[in-house]
Every structure is written in structure tokens, then in C-alpha cells.
């Protein structure tokens, strides 16, 4: 009996035979699932980026392709063009006011909605509604609103507030601000949603502890709540900054870069230089500059995020 019972135990301890093939199905299946997307991204993202950089270093400034290498000549000429210099200034202007408007309005709306007053769900949906619209639709609607004959100027006249009237999209000093207003209207709801999620993720016990220590509501917000929202604020800045650098459709629909070049941005100039003037080398150079600006904005954030995950 002892011998009979020992044999099954010995059989169970026998090592499993190794597969003849080095790649088992458990290893091969995930690779096959991921491979199509990796190949497509490599071709249609990084491949096209490489092709754009190649064109920016070439003499292709005509309908017919010309890949003659000219080095940084297109970039040097680009920075010598007054329009591109103005576009960079407009980019800084647009980005600064766009970020400030979205963050301030979004944070303010989130703080009010966090009070859980009556009608909170309704106003939350109202703030989120513009996100469902494309920038083309937003630009069309706000172009009607800023129409000097049928829009907001008429309302101001009826309210006897004519001194507030402005050439929203026709004045060279105001046109870009009109576009900023439309962009803030659409994206402030995004900031509101992010801040509201952050506020409702803060434990109530932490706030009560601060109140017990004698902190006022203002001190509670600036010393306790707001520091906890810094990661969300940084994420919002990165996302909104990326949008502001590559925005095209809103500008094209509302002002087409005018009057003059007062509301022109590099993305719109890239489109006109490439597809209307056939200056492919210059357009590719503008696209590469936009890529570098986005990289300068996003890469430090990615490094900071990776370091934070590693420390955890």
C-alpha cells in the first residue's frame, strides 16, 4: 500500500516538458494584438513627422516636389518674415488669456458647484454642454454673436450701454480677444469638470480638521484645498496649452486671421503657405516649429509624471 500511494506523488512532481517553440501563445498573443496599432502609429504618426522634417529641410517651394537639401534655410527665412513674428506674438497672447480665462472660470464654477446647492446638476450640464460642440460650430455661433448689426452690439444699444460696443472681429486691437472669448466659452467647462472631480476627491475630514484648527474658509481654500489641486491644474495647463498651440478651425471660421494679421496664428499660416501658396518647405518648417513648441510644453510634464510614478 505504501508503494502504491507513493507512485502518484512522484508522478505529480515530475517537471513539465518545455515547449519546442521559444514563443508560447501567452507571449505571442499580446504582441499580435498590439502590433497593428504600433505599426500604424509608426507609419502614420512618426513616419509623417519624419517626412515633414525632411520637407522642411528641402527646396520644395513649388507644385512639383523638390527634395534638394538646403539645411536650415527655410527656418532662417521663416523667422525673418514679419507675419510669422506677429504670429508668435499672437500665440503668446492667445495662450496666456486662454489659459487664464479657462482656469479662473473653471475653478470658480467648480467651487460653486461643490457647495451642492439646488440646481447644481443643471448648471453642471450647462457648463459641460459646449464641450459637445466642435470648434467650427463654436466659431460660427460666436461670429453671429459678434456681428455688429445683429449681435451683442445691438443688445448693448437696447440696454443703453453703447459705450461697451466694440468691433469684436473687425478691430485689429480686439479681434484676437474675440476669438479668445469663444475658446474660453467652450473649454472652461472642461476645467470645471477636472477641478470639480478634484474637489470632491478631497476628504471632508481634512477640511474639518483645518476648521477645528481655526482656519477660515479663505485660508482653508488657499492653504489646504488649492495645494491639493496642483496636479489637476498642471494637467489642465498642459492640455489647454496643447490646444492653444495647434488651434486652427476656430480662427479660420471666425476671422480667417484678419483683419490683416491681427488674429493670425502659426497653424493658419502653415495652412495658407502649404496649400494656397504651394510653399511646402515653409509650411513644413512651421509645422516642425509647432511640434517643437508642443514638445517643450509636454515633455517636462511627462518626465515629471514618470518620476512621480517611479517614486511611488
C-alpha atoms as a PDB file:
ATOM      1  CA  UNK A   1       0.000   0.000   0.000  1.00  0.00           C
ATOM      2  CA  UNK A   2       2.845   2.390   0.791  1.00  0.00           C
ATOM      3  CA  UNK A   3       4.424   1.746  -2.576  1.00  0.00           C
ATOM      4  CA  UNK A   4       1.126   2.282  -4.388  1.00  0.00           C
ATOM      5  CA  UNK A   5       0.455   5.605  -2.718  1.00  0.00           C
ATOM      6  CA  UNK A   6       3.981   6.920  -3.314  1.00  0.00           C
ATOM      7  CA  UNK A   7       3.910   6.472  -7.052  1.00  0.00           C
ATOM      8  CA  UNK A   8       1.211   9.158  -7.780  1.00  0.00           C
ATOM      9  CA  UNK A   9       3.118  11.646  -5.638  1.00  0.00           C
ATOM     10  CA  UNK A  10       6.291  11.017  -7.614  1.00  0.00           C
ATOM     11  CA  UNK A  11       4.395  11.417 -10.879  1.00  0.00           C
ATOM     12  CA  UNK A  12       2.939  14.759  -9.787  1.00  0.00           C
ATOM     13  CA  UNK A  13       6.410  16.141  -9.005  1.00  0.00           C
ATOM     14  CA  UNK A  14       7.749  15.416 -12.474  1.00  0.00           C
ATOM     15  CA  UNK A  15       8.757  18.685 -14.253  1.00  0.00           C
ATOM     16  CA  UNK A  16       6.663  19.811 -17.158  1.00  0.00           C
ATOM     17  CA  UNK A  17       8.182  19.363 -20.537  1.00  0.00           C
ATOM     18  CA  UNK A  18       9.322  22.609 -22.142  1.00  0.00           C
ATOM     19  CA  UNK A  19       7.774  23.738 -25.412  1.00  0.00           C
ATOM     20  CA  UNK A  20       9.822  23.296 -28.558  1.00  0.00           C
ATOM     21  CA  UNK A  21       8.956  26.836 -29.700  1.00  0.00           C
ATOM     22  CA  UNK A  22      10.624  29.783 -27.867  1.00  0.00           C
ATOM     23  CA  UNK A  23       7.454  31.912 -28.130  1.00  0.00           C
ATOM     24  CA  UNK A  24       4.492  30.463 -26.280  1.00  0.00           C
ATOM     25  CA  UNK A  25       0.925  31.503 -27.036  1.00  0.00           C
ATOM     26  CA  UNK A  26       0.805  33.500 -23.780  1.00  0.00           C
ATOM     27  CA  UNK A  27       3.665  35.713 -25.006  1.00  0.00           C
ATOM     28  CA  UNK A  28       2.751  35.811 -28.669  1.00  0.00           C
ATOM     29  CA  UNK A  29      -0.934  36.760 -28.306  1.00  0.00           C
ATOM     30  CA  UNK A  30      -0.369  40.202 -26.663  1.00  0.00           C
ATOM     31  CA  UNK A  31       2.311  41.040 -29.228  1.00  0.00           C
ATOM     32  CA  UNK A  32      -0.024  40.173 -32.119  1.00  0.00           C
ATOM     33  CA  UNK A  33      -2.791  42.270 -30.587  1.00  0.00           C
ATOM     34  CA  UNK A  34      -0.579  45.337 -30.128  1.00  0.00           C
ATOM     35  CA  UNK A  35       1.445  45.011 -33.344  1.00  0.00           C
ATOM     36  CA  UNK A  36      -1.150  46.513 -35.780  1.00  0.00           C
ATOM     37  CA  UNK A  37      -1.568  49.704 -33.760  1.00  0.00           C
ATOM     38  CA  UNK A  38       2.203  50.033 -33.260  1.00  0.00           C
ATOM     39  CA  UNK A  39       2.802  49.633 -36.998  1.00  0.00           C
ATOM     40  CA  UNK A  40       0.077  52.139 -37.904  1.00  0.00           C
ATOM     41  CA  UNK A  41       1.360  54.694 -35.376  1.00  0.00           C
ATOM     42  CA  UNK A  42       4.898  54.209 -36.623  1.00  0.00           C
ATOM     43  CA  UNK A  43       3.836  54.852 -40.225  1.00  0.00           C
ATOM     44  CA  UNK A  44       1.110  57.482 -39.943  1.00  0.00           C
ATOM     45  CA  UNK A  45       2.499  59.444 -36.961  1.00  0.00           C
ATOM     46  CA  UNK A  46       6.257  59.145 -36.672  1.00  0.00           C
ATOM     47  CA  UNK A  47       6.728  58.390 -40.348  1.00  0.00           C
ATOM     48  CA  UNK A  48       4.828  61.524 -41.352  1.00  0.00           C
ATOM     49  CA  UNK A  49       6.688  63.572 -38.740  1.00  0.00           C
ATOM     50  CA  UNK A  50       9.954  62.418 -40.281  1.00  0.00           C
ATOM     51  CA  UNK A  51       8.679  63.255 -43.765  1.00  0.00           C
ATOM     52  CA  UNK A  52       7.612  66.729 -42.603  1.00  0.00           C
ATOM     53  CA  UNK A  53      11.057  67.400 -41.155  1.00  0.00           C
ATOM     54  CA  UNK A  54      12.608  66.184 -44.397  1.00  0.00           C
ATOM     55  CA  UNK A  55      10.458  68.571 -46.457  1.00  0.00           C
ATOM     56  CA  UNK A  56      11.298  71.457 -44.096  1.00  0.00           C
ATOM     57  CA  UNK A  57      14.973  70.923 -44.925  1.00  0.00           C
ATOM     58  CA  UNK A  58      14.369  70.842 -48.677  1.00  0.00           C
ATOM     59  CA  UNK A  59      13.854  73.346 -51.507  1.00  0.00           C
ATOM     60  CA  UNK A  60      10.268  72.274 -52.181  1.00  0.00           C
ATOM     61  CA  UNK A  61       8.548  75.637 -52.713  1.00  0.00           C
ATOM     62  CA  UNK A  62       6.584  74.848 -55.842  1.00  0.00           C
ATOM     63  CA  UNK A  63       3.879  72.492 -57.065  1.00  0.00           C
ATOM     64  CA  UNK A  64       6.452  69.906 -58.149  1.00  0.00           C
ATOM     65  CA  UNK A  65       8.347  68.124 -55.344  1.00  0.00           C
ATOM     66  CA  UNK A  66      11.977  69.135 -54.877  1.00  0.00           C
ATOM     67  CA  UNK A  67      13.841  67.359 -52.100  1.00  0.00           C
ATOM     68  CA  UNK A  68      17.122  69.167 -52.647  1.00  0.00           C
ATOM     69  CA  UNK A  69      18.694  69.576 -49.208  1.00  0.00           C
ATOM     70  CA  UNK A  70      19.045  73.234 -48.151  1.00  0.00           C
ATOM     71  CA  UNK A  71      19.657  72.804 -44.427  1.00  0.00           C
ATOM     72  CA  UNK A  72      18.036  75.365 -42.143  1.00  0.00           C
ATOM     73  CA  UNK A  73      17.398  77.914 -44.885  1.00  0.00           C
ATOM     74  CA  UNK A  74      13.590  77.645 -44.593  1.00  0.00           C
ATOM     75  CA  UNK A  75      13.773  78.215 -40.830  1.00  0.00           C
ATOM     76  CA  UNK A  76      16.078  81.211 -41.170  1.00  0.00           C
ATOM     77  CA  UNK A  77      13.805  82.793 -43.764  1.00  0.00           C
ATOM     78  CA  UNK A  78      10.743  81.969 -41.672  1.00  0.00           C
ATOM     79  CA  UNK A  79      11.968  83.904 -38.642  1.00  0.00           C
ATOM     80  CA  UNK A  80      12.766  86.846 -40.893  1.00  0.00           C
ATOM     81  CA  UNK A  81       9.142  87.113 -42.094  1.00  0.00           C
ATOM     82  CA  UNK A  82       7.159  89.788 -40.267  1.00  0.00           C
ATOM     83  CA  UNK A  83       3.957  87.764 -40.460  1.00  0.00           C
ATOM     84  CA  UNK A  84       5.496  84.803 -38.627  1.00  0.00           C
ATOM     85  CA  UNK A  85       6.944  87.101 -35.976  1.00  0.00           C
ATOM     86  CA  UNK A  86       3.465  88.545 -35.480  1.00  0.00           C
ATOM     87  CA  UNK A  87       2.031  85.026 -35.328  1.00  0.00           C
ATOM     88  CA  UNK A  88       4.373  84.090 -32.483  1.00  0.00           C
ATOM     89  CA  UNK A  89       3.320  87.193 -30.533  1.00  0.00           C
ATOM     90  CA  UNK A  90      -0.330  86.334 -31.174  1.00  0.00           C
ATOM     91  CA  UNK A  91       0.311  82.777 -29.966  1.00  0.00           C
ATOM     92  CA  UNK A  92       1.686  84.035 -26.658  1.00  0.00           C
ATOM     93  CA  UNK A  93      -1.241  86.464 -26.319  1.00  0.00           C
ATOM     94  CA  UNK A  94      -3.850  83.832 -27.153  1.00  0.00           C
ATOM     95  CA  UNK A  95      -2.301  81.159 -24.930  1.00  0.00           C
ATOM     96  CA  UNK A  96      -1.952  83.441 -21.895  1.00  0.00           C
ATOM     97  CA  UNK A  97      -5.519  84.769 -21.956  1.00  0.00           C
ATOM     98  CA  UNK A  98      -6.984  81.414 -22.980  1.00  0.00           C
ATOM     99  CA  UNK A  99      -5.314  79.590 -20.087  1.00  0.00           C
ATOM    100  CA  UNK A 100      -6.127  82.312 -17.566  1.00  0.00           C
ATOM    101  CA  UNK A 101      -9.774  82.509 -18.614  1.00  0.00           C
ATOM    102  CA  UNK A 102     -10.373  78.753 -18.625  1.00  0.00           C
ATOM    103  CA  UNK A 103      -8.621  78.151 -15.298  1.00  0.00           C
ATOM    104  CA  UNK A 104     -10.251  81.043 -13.427  1.00  0.00           C
ATOM    105  CA  UNK A 105     -13.784  80.418 -14.730  1.00  0.00           C
ATOM    106  CA  UNK A 106     -13.428  76.650 -14.419  1.00  0.00           C
ATOM    107  CA  UNK A 107     -12.140  76.824 -10.847  1.00  0.00           C
ATOM    108  CA  UNK A 108     -14.759  79.367  -9.818  1.00  0.00           C
ATOM    109  CA  UNK A 109     -17.580  77.286 -11.288  1.00  0.00           C
ATOM    110  CA  UNK A 110     -16.212  74.123  -9.653  1.00  0.00           C
ATOM    111  CA  UNK A 111     -16.068  75.777  -6.224  1.00  0.00           C
ATOM    112  CA  UNK A 112     -19.677  76.963  -6.558  1.00  0.00           C
ATOM    113  CA  UNK A 113     -20.922  73.574  -7.767  1.00  0.00           C
ATOM    114  CA  UNK A 114     -19.056  71.852  -4.935  1.00  0.00           C
ATOM    115  CA  UNK A 115     -21.359  73.608  -2.462  1.00  0.00           C
ATOM    116  CA  UNK A 116     -24.101  71.194  -3.602  1.00  0.00           C
ATOM    117  CA  UNK A 117     -26.753  73.884  -3.813  1.00  0.00           C
ATOM    118  CA  UNK A 118     -30.115  73.443  -5.507  1.00  0.00           C
ATOM    119  CA  UNK A 119     -29.814  73.147  -9.290  1.00  0.00           C
ATOM    120  CA  UNK A 120     -26.192  72.000  -9.191  1.00  0.00           C
ATOM    121  CA  UNK A 121     -26.752  69.172 -11.685  1.00  0.00           C
ATOM    122  CA  UNK A 122     -28.497  71.517 -14.130  1.00  0.00           C
ATOM    123  CA  UNK A 123     -25.699  74.089 -14.096  1.00  0.00           C
ATOM    124  CA  UNK A 124     -23.091  71.346 -14.299  1.00  0.00           C
ATOM    125  CA  UNK A 125     -24.673  70.148 -17.540  1.00  0.00           C
ATOM    126  CA  UNK A 126     -24.874  73.730 -18.820  1.00  0.00           C
ATOM    127  CA  UNK A 127     -21.138  74.207 -18.301  1.00  0.00           C
ATOM    128  CA  UNK A 128     -20.360  70.860 -19.925  1.00  0.00           C
ATOM    129  CA  UNK A 129     -22.573  71.388 -22.967  1.00  0.00           C
ATOM    130  CA  UNK A 130     -20.074  73.446 -25.047  1.00  0.00           C
ATOM    131  CA  UNK A 131     -17.633  70.530 -24.950  1.00  0.00           C
ATOM    132  CA  UNK A 132     -20.042  68.579 -27.157  1.00  0.00           C
ATOM    133  CA  UNK A 133     -19.582  71.144 -29.934  1.00  0.00           C
ATOM    134  CA  UNK A 134     -16.811  71.274 -32.491  1.00  0.00           C
ATOM    135  CA  UNK A 135     -14.704  74.418 -32.740  1.00  0.00           C
ATOM    136  CA  UNK A 136     -16.221  75.006 -36.196  1.00  0.00           C
ATOM    137  CA  UNK A 137     -19.709  75.204 -34.673  1.00  0.00           C
ATOM    138  CA  UNK A 138     -18.458  77.384 -31.819  1.00  0.00           C
ATOM    139  CA  UNK A 139     -16.771  79.756 -34.267  1.00  0.00           C
ATOM    140  CA  UNK A 140     -19.911  80.052 -36.385  1.00  0.00           C
ATOM    141  CA  UNK A 141     -22.134  80.779 -33.377  1.00  0.00           C
ATOM    142  CA  UNK A 142     -19.793  83.390 -31.915  1.00  0.00           C
ATOM    143  CA  UNK A 143     -19.335  85.043 -35.293  1.00  0.00           C
ATOM    144  CA  UNK A 144     -23.092  85.620 -35.286  1.00  0.00           C
ATOM    145  CA  UNK A 145     -22.941  86.904 -31.707  1.00  0.00           C
ATOM    146  CA  UNK A 146     -20.172  89.379 -32.580  1.00  0.00           C
ATOM    147  CA  UNK A 147     -21.909  90.559 -35.746  1.00  0.00           C
ATOM    148  CA  UNK A 148     -22.037  94.370 -35.396  1.00  0.00           C
ATOM    149  CA  UNK A 149     -25.549  94.596 -36.911  1.00  0.00           C
ATOM    150  CA  UNK A 150     -27.379  91.673 -35.320  1.00  0.00           C
ATOM    151  CA  UNK A 151     -25.282  90.550 -32.359  1.00  0.00           C
ATOM    152  CA  UNK A 152     -24.173  91.733 -28.976  1.00  0.00           C
ATOM    153  CA  UNK A 153     -23.709  95.360 -30.065  1.00  0.00           C
ATOM    154  CA  UNK A 154     -27.446  95.616 -30.773  1.00  0.00           C
ATOM    155  CA  UNK A 155     -28.232  94.260 -27.305  1.00  0.00           C
ATOM    156  CA  UNK A 156     -25.872  96.790 -25.732  1.00  0.00           C
ATOM    157  CA  UNK A 157     -27.613  99.591 -27.651  1.00  0.00           C
ATOM    158  CA  UNK A 158     -31.016  98.441 -26.390  1.00  0.00           C
ATOM    159  CA  UNK A 159     -29.678  98.405 -22.830  1.00  0.00           C
ATOM    160  CA  UNK A 160     -28.247 101.926 -23.276  1.00  0.00           C
ATOM    161  CA  UNK A 161     -24.730 100.529 -22.856  1.00  0.00           C
ATOM    162  CA  UNK A 162     -23.432 101.717 -26.196  1.00  0.00           C
ATOM    163  CA  UNK A 163     -20.094 102.693 -24.653  1.00  0.00           C
ATOM    164  CA  UNK A 164     -19.338  98.964 -24.352  1.00  0.00           C
ATOM    165  CA  UNK A 165     -19.752  98.374 -28.081  1.00  0.00           C
ATOM    166  CA  UNK A 166     -16.707  97.176 -29.963  1.00  0.00           C
ATOM    167  CA  UNK A 167     -15.654  95.888 -33.339  1.00  0.00           C
ATOM    168  CA  UNK A 168     -15.233  92.433 -31.877  1.00  0.00           C
ATOM    169  CA  UNK A 169     -13.945  90.789 -35.040  1.00  0.00           C
ATOM    170  CA  UNK A 170     -13.216  93.839 -37.193  1.00  0.00           C
ATOM    171  CA  UNK A 171     -10.939  95.884 -34.938  1.00  0.00           C
ATOM    172  CA  UNK A 172      -7.269  94.925 -35.193  1.00  0.00           C
ATOM    173  CA  UNK A 173      -6.822  95.567 -31.454  1.00  0.00           C
ATOM    174  CA  UNK A 174      -9.769  93.420 -30.369  1.00  0.00           C
ATOM    175  CA  UNK A 175     -10.192  90.633 -32.955  1.00  0.00           C
ATOM    176  CA  UNK A 176      -7.896  88.139 -31.236  1.00  0.00           C
ATOM    177  CA  UNK A 177      -9.628  88.758 -27.904  1.00  0.00           C
ATOM    178  CA  UNK A 178     -12.948  87.913 -29.546  1.00  0.00           C
ATOM    179  CA  UNK A 179     -11.534  84.535 -30.544  1.00  0.00           C
ATOM    180  CA  UNK A 180     -10.216  84.047 -27.000  1.00  0.00           C
ATOM    181  CA  UNK A 181     -13.716  84.625 -25.597  1.00  0.00           C
ATOM    182  CA  UNK A 182     -15.163  81.944 -27.868  1.00  0.00           C
ATOM    183  CA  UNK A 183     -12.390  79.486 -26.972  1.00  0.00           C
ATOM    184  CA  UNK A 184     -12.782  80.126 -23.229  1.00  0.00           C
ATOM    185  CA  UNK A 185     -16.548  79.650 -23.502  1.00  0.00           C
ATOM    186  CA  UNK A 186     -16.024  76.193 -24.974  1.00  0.00           C
ATOM    187  CA  UNK A 187     -13.153  74.890 -22.831  1.00  0.00           C
ATOM    188  CA  UNK A 188     -13.914  76.369 -19.384  1.00  0.00           C
ATOM    189  CA  UNK A 189     -16.380  73.515 -18.811  1.00  0.00           C
ATOM    190  CA  UNK A 190     -13.524  71.071 -19.250  1.00  0.00           C
ATOM    191  CA  UNK A 191     -11.574  72.798 -16.463  1.00  0.00           C
ATOM    192  CA  UNK A 192     -14.693  72.902 -14.327  1.00  0.00           C
ATOM    193  CA  UNK A 193     -15.118  69.127 -14.633  1.00  0.00           C
ATOM    194  CA  UNK A 194     -11.478  68.462 -13.720  1.00  0.00           C
ATOM    195  CA  UNK A 195     -11.494  70.813 -10.723  1.00  0.00           C
ATOM    196  CA  UNK A 196     -14.862  69.536  -9.526  1.00  0.00           C
ATOM    197  CA  UNK A 197     -13.596  65.962  -9.576  1.00  0.00           C
ATOM    198  CA  UNK A 198     -10.537  67.077  -7.611  1.00  0.00           C
ATOM    199  CA  UNK A 199     -12.605  68.981  -5.039  1.00  0.00           C
ATOM    200  CA  UNK A 200     -14.945  66.060  -4.435  1.00  0.00           C
ATOM    201  CA  UNK A 201     -11.953  63.770  -4.043  1.00  0.00           C
ATOM    202  CA  UNK A 202     -10.647  65.733  -1.035  1.00  0.00           C
ATOM    203  CA  UNK A 203     -11.715  64.029   2.232  1.00  0.00           C
ATOM    204  CA  UNK A 204     -14.175  66.057   4.279  1.00  0.00           C
ATOM    205  CA  UNK A 205     -12.265  65.058   7.425  1.00  0.00           C
ATOM    206  CA  UNK A 206      -9.287  67.075   6.182  1.00  0.00           C
ATOM    207  CA  UNK A 207     -11.398  70.194   5.846  1.00  0.00           C
ATOM    208  CA  UNK A 208     -12.992  69.687   9.238  1.00  0.00           C
ATOM    209  CA  UNK A 209      -9.559  69.303  10.823  1.00  0.00           C
ATOM    210  CA  UNK A 210      -8.477  72.632   9.314  1.00  0.00           C
ATOM    211  CA  UNK A 211     -11.639  74.315  10.612  1.00  0.00           C
ATOM    212  CA  UNK A 212     -11.031  72.902  14.074  1.00  0.00           C
ATOM    213  CA  UNK A 213      -7.521  74.402  13.985  1.00  0.00           C
ATOM    214  CA  UNK A 214      -9.121  77.815  13.437  1.00  0.00           C
ATOM    215  CA  UNK A 215      -8.693  78.216   9.671  1.00  0.00           C
ATOM    216  CA  UNK A 216     -11.177  80.494   7.924  1.00  0.00           C
ATOM    217  CA  UNK A 217     -12.856  79.348   4.708  1.00  0.00           C
ATOM    218  CA  UNK A 218     -10.441  81.505   2.678  1.00  0.00           C
ATOM    219  CA  UNK A 219      -7.412  80.068   4.484  1.00  0.00           C
ATOM    220  CA  UNK A 220      -8.875  76.574   4.120  1.00  0.00           C
ATOM    221  CA  UNK A 221      -9.086  77.026   0.365  1.00  0.00           C
ATOM    222  CA  UNK A 222      -5.642  78.546  -0.222  1.00  0.00           C
ATOM    223  CA  UNK A 223      -3.686  76.541   2.377  1.00  0.00           C
ATOM    224  CA  UNK A 224      -5.375  73.142   2.135  1.00  0.00           C
ATOM    225  CA  UNK A 225      -7.662  72.730  -0.879  1.00  0.00           C
ATOM    226  CA  UNK A 226      -5.788  74.584  -3.607  1.00  0.00           C
ATOM    227  CA  UNK A 227      -2.405  72.864  -2.995  1.00  0.00           C
ATOM    228  CA  UNK A 228      -4.162  69.517  -3.414  1.00  0.00           C
ATOM    229  CA  UNK A 229      -5.461  70.700  -6.802  1.00  0.00           C
ATOM    230  CA  UNK A 230      -1.996  71.464  -8.192  1.00  0.00           C
ATOM    231  CA  UNK A 231      -1.664  68.182 -10.151  1.00  0.00           C
ATOM    232  CA  UNK A 232      -5.060  68.811 -11.756  1.00  0.00           C
ATOM    233  CA  UNK A 233      -4.097  72.412 -12.529  1.00  0.00           C
ATOM    234  CA  UNK A 234      -0.883  71.250 -14.179  1.00  0.00           C
ATOM    235  CA  UNK A 235      -2.750  68.683 -16.267  1.00  0.00           C
ATOM    236  CA  UNK A 236      -5.271  71.318 -17.359  1.00  0.00           C
ATOM    237  CA  UNK A 237      -2.468  73.726 -18.317  1.00  0.00           C
ATOM    238  CA  UNK A 238      -0.774  71.044 -20.416  1.00  0.00           C
ATOM    239  CA  UNK A 239      -3.954  70.071 -22.259  1.00  0.00           C
ATOM    240  CA  UNK A 240      -5.153  73.642 -22.837  1.00  0.00           C
ATOM    241  CA  UNK A 241      -1.672  74.780 -23.869  1.00  0.00           C
ATOM    242  CA  UNK A 242      -1.537  71.998 -26.425  1.00  0.00           C
ATOM    243  CA  UNK A 243      -4.925  73.064 -27.796  1.00  0.00           C
ATOM    244  CA  UNK A 244      -3.926  76.727 -27.997  1.00  0.00           C
ATOM    245  CA  UNK A 245      -0.723  75.963 -29.920  1.00  0.00           C
ATOM    246  CA  UNK A 246      -2.402  73.925 -32.630  1.00  0.00           C
ATOM    247  CA  UNK A 247      -5.791  75.673 -32.833  1.00  0.00           C
ATOM    248  CA  UNK A 248      -6.847  76.283 -36.404  1.00  0.00           C
ATOM    249  CA  UNK A 249     -10.544  75.760 -37.094  1.00  0.00           C
ATOM    250  CA  UNK A 250     -11.811  78.388 -34.631  1.00  0.00           C
ATOM    251  CA  UNK A 251      -9.529  81.070 -36.091  1.00  0.00           C
ATOM    252  CA  UNK A 252     -10.339  80.077 -39.658  1.00  0.00           C
ATOM    253  CA  UNK A 253     -14.107  80.221 -39.113  1.00  0.00           C
ATOM    254  CA  UNK A 254     -14.244  83.415 -37.050  1.00  0.00           C
ATOM    255  CA  UNK A 255     -11.654  85.746 -38.578  1.00  0.00           C
ATOM    256  CA  UNK A 256      -9.503  83.853 -41.121  1.00  0.00           C
ATOM    257  CA  UNK A 257      -6.573  85.546 -39.414  1.00  0.00           C
ATOM    258  CA  UNK A 258      -7.845  89.072 -40.028  1.00  0.00           C
ATOM    259  CA  UNK A 259      -8.261  91.917 -40.073  1.00  0.00           C
ATOM    260  CA  UNK A 260      -4.803  91.990 -41.550  1.00  0.00           C
ATOM    261  CA  UNK A 261      -2.760  89.537 -39.493  1.00  0.00           C
ATOM    262  CA  UNK A 262      -4.093  90.708 -36.132  1.00  0.00           C
ATOM    263  CA  UNK A 263      -5.590  87.307 -35.261  1.00  0.00           C
ATOM    264  CA  UNK A 264      -3.324  85.122 -37.374  1.00  0.00           C
ATOM    265  CA  UNK A 265      -1.636  82.126 -35.744  1.00  0.00           C
ATOM    266  CA  UNK A 266       1.148  79.768 -36.955  1.00  0.00           C
ATOM    267  CA  UNK A 267      -1.288  76.939 -37.665  1.00  0.00           C
ATOM    268  CA  UNK A 268      -3.306  79.125 -40.034  1.00  0.00           C
ATOM    269  CA  UNK A 269      -0.138  80.457 -41.682  1.00  0.00           C
ATOM    270  CA  UNK A 270       1.056  76.874 -42.158  1.00  0.00           C
ATOM    271  CA  UNK A 271      -2.191  76.007 -43.951  1.00  0.00           C
ATOM    272  CA  UNK A 272      -2.031  79.021 -46.252  1.00  0.00           C
ATOM    273  CA  UNK A 273       1.675  78.652 -47.027  1.00  0.00           C
ATOM    274  CA  UNK A 274       1.328  74.959 -47.842  1.00  0.00           C
ATOM    275  CA  UNK A 275      -1.988  74.591 -49.635  1.00  0.00           C
ATOM    276  CA  UNK A 276      -2.613  78.062 -51.069  1.00  0.00           C
ATOM    277  CA  UNK A 277       0.868  79.377 -51.851  1.00  0.00           C
ATOM    278  CA  UNK A 278       2.478  75.955 -52.539  1.00  0.00           C
ATOM    279  CA  UNK A 279       5.408  76.814 -50.241  1.00  0.00           C
ATOM    280  CA  UNK A 280       5.725  73.289 -48.924  1.00  0.00           C
ATOM    281  CA  UNK A 281       9.165  73.791 -47.423  1.00  0.00           C
ATOM    282  CA  UNK A 282       7.988  76.818 -45.446  1.00  0.00           C
ATOM    283  CA  UNK A 283       4.784  75.108 -44.359  1.00  0.00           C
ATOM    284  CA  UNK A 284       6.733  72.072 -43.173  1.00  0.00           C
ATOM    285  CA  UNK A 285       9.090  74.357 -41.259  1.00  0.00           C
ATOM    286  CA  UNK A 286       6.121  75.982 -39.489  1.00  0.00           C
ATOM    287  CA  UNK A 287       4.703  72.544 -38.672  1.00  0.00           C
ATOM    288  CA  UNK A 288       8.042  71.457 -37.234  1.00  0.00           C
ATOM    289  CA  UNK A 289       8.212  74.598 -35.100  1.00  0.00           C
ATOM    290  CA  UNK A 290       4.725  73.848 -33.742  1.00  0.00           C
ATOM    291  CA  UNK A 291       5.857  70.313 -32.956  1.00  0.00           C
ATOM    292  CA  UNK A 292       8.833  71.663 -31.020  1.00  0.00           C
ATOM    293  CA  UNK A 293       6.624  74.091 -29.077  1.00  0.00           C
ATOM    294  CA  UNK A 294       4.254  71.274 -28.128  1.00  0.00           C
ATOM    295  CA  UNK A 295       7.208  69.087 -27.137  1.00  0.00           C
ATOM    296  CA  UNK A 296       8.627  71.861 -24.943  1.00  0.00           C
ATOM    297  CA  UNK A 297       5.266  72.024 -23.201  1.00  0.00           C
ATOM    298  CA  UNK A 298       4.521  68.313 -22.844  1.00  0.00           C
ATOM    299  CA  UNK A 299       7.887  66.555 -22.416  1.00  0.00           C
ATOM    300  CA  UNK A 300       8.711  68.141 -18.990  1.00  0.00           C
ATOM    301  CA  UNK A 301       5.259  67.119 -17.771  1.00  0.00           C
ATOM    302  CA  UNK A 302       5.786  63.528 -18.947  1.00  0.00           C
ATOM    303  CA  UNK A 303       9.186  63.386 -17.231  1.00  0.00           C
ATOM    304  CA  UNK A 304       7.698  64.750 -14.010  1.00  0.00           C
ATOM    305  CA  UNK A 305       4.839  62.251 -14.200  1.00  0.00           C
ATOM    306  CA  UNK A 306       7.152  59.287 -14.830  1.00  0.00           C
ATOM    307  CA  UNK A 307       9.391  60.302 -11.916  1.00  0.00           C
ATOM    308  CA  UNK A 308       6.372  60.552  -9.644  1.00  0.00           C
ATOM    309  CA  UNK A 309       5.206  57.054 -10.585  1.00  0.00           C
ATOM    310  CA  UNK A 310       8.740  55.688 -10.087  1.00  0.00           C
ATOM    311  CA  UNK A 311       8.990  57.194  -6.599  1.00  0.00           C
ATOM    312  CA  UNK A 312       5.675  55.605  -5.654  1.00  0.00           C
END
